[in-house]
Amino acid sequence: MTKLTGFDPDNLTEANISEVVELAWDDETSFDDIKASTGLSEPQVISIMRGHMKPSSFRMWRKRVSGRKTKHEKM
């Protein structure tokens, strides 16, 4: 997992958004890992994904990660 440097969840740059999308798209990176490296909660990540992906791509991603153990460490 990469640690984002200079990351401010309130002022996202295109590079930060790209990194969040990449982390969220990766099946091996859990939402807990994303929270640890970026400070963004699962709903915030979902919101970023919704706003920066085509609707069909977002739906495909949500279907893939919903309930998936690798995306939710507590499961």
Protein backbone atom coordinates (compact mmCIF):
# COMPACT_ATOMS: atom_id res chain seq x y z
CA MET A 1 0.00 0.00 0.00
CA THR A 2 1.33 3.41 -0.88
CA LYS A 3 1.16 6.28 1.56
CA LEU A 4 -0.16 9.46 -0.02
CA THR A 5 1.96 12.48 0.76
CA GLY A 6 0.58 15.98 1.10
CA PHE A 7 -2.95 14.58 1.08
CA ASP A 8 -5.69 16.84 2.38
CA PRO A 9 -9.16 15.22 2.18
CA ASP A 10 -10.76 18.68 2.10
CA ASN A 11 -8.72 19.86 -0.92
CA LEU A 12 -8.38 16.98 -3.34
CA THR A 13 -6.15 17.44 -6.37
CA GLU A 14 -6.61 15.46 -9.56
CA ALA A 15 -3.55 13.40 -8.57
CA ASN A 16 -5.11 12.62 -5.16
CA ILE A 17 -8.41 11.66 -6.77
CA SER A 18 -6.61 9.46 -9.27
CA GLU A 19 -4.76 7.69 -6.43
CA VAL A 20 -8.00 7.16 -4.46
CA VAL A 21 -9.72 5.72 -7.55
CA GLU A 22 -6.74 3.43 -8.14
CA LEU A 23 -6.74 2.23 -4.53
CA ALA A 24 -10.52 1.69 -4.52
CA TRP A 25 -10.43 -0.19 -7.84
CA ASP A 26 -7.78 -2.60 -6.53
CA ASP A 27 -9.43 -5.70 -5.09
CA GLU A 28 -6.59 -6.24 -2.61
CA THR A 29 -6.90 -2.80 -0.97
CA SER A 30 -9.59 -2.65 1.72
CA PHE A 31 -11.56 0.45 2.65
CA ASP A 32 -9.74 0.32 6.00
CA ASP A 33 -6.40 0.51 4.16
CA ILE A 34 -7.67 3.47 2.14
CA LYS A 35 -8.80 5.17 5.36
CA ALA A 36 -5.38 4.61 6.94
CA SER A 37 -3.48 6.04 3.98
CA THR A 38 -5.80 8.88 2.94
CA GLY A 39 -8.08 9.64 5.88
CA LEU A 40 -11.15 9.09 3.69
CA SER A 41 -14.02 7.00 5.01
CA GLU A 42 -15.81 4.40 2.89
CA PRO A 43 -18.74 6.77 2.10
CA GLN A 44 -16.25 9.47 1.03
CA VAL A 45 -14.45 7.01 -1.26
CA ILE A 46 -17.77 5.89 -2.74
CA SER A 47 -18.70 9.53 -3.35
CA ILE A 48 -15.39 10.18 -5.13
CA MET A 49 -15.84 7.06 -7.23
CA ARG A 50 -19.40 8.08 -8.13
CA GLY A 51 -18.31 11.58 -9.15
CA HIS A 52 -15.26 10.58 -11.18
CA MET A 53 -16.38 7.48 -13.05
CA LYS A 54 -18.85 6.84 -15.82
CA PRO A 55 -22.18 5.68 -14.33
CA SER A 56 -21.84 2.20 -15.84
CA SER A 57 -18.28 1.84 -14.49
CA PHE A 58 -19.40 2.99 -11.04
CA ARG A 59 -22.26 0.46 -11.00
CA MET A 60 -19.90 -2.33 -12.06
CA TRP A 61 -17.40 -1.35 -9.32
CA ARG A 62 -20.11 -1.15 -6.61
CA LYS A 63 -21.49 -4.53 -7.60
CA ARG A 64 -17.98 -6.00 -7.41
CA VAL A 65 -17.02 -4.54 -4.00
CA SER A 66 -20.36 -4.79 -2.18
CA GLY A 67 -19.99 -7.39 0.54
CA ARG A 68 -16.55 -8.48 -0.67
CA LYS A 69 -14.34 -9.63 2.21
CA THR A 70 -11.17 -8.12 0.76
CA LYS A 71 -12.75 -4.66 0.70
CA HIS A 72 -14.06 -4.94 4.27
CA GLU A 73 -11.47 -6.24 6.74
CA LYS A 74 -14.01 -6.55 9.54
CA MET A 75 -16.06 -9.13 7.65
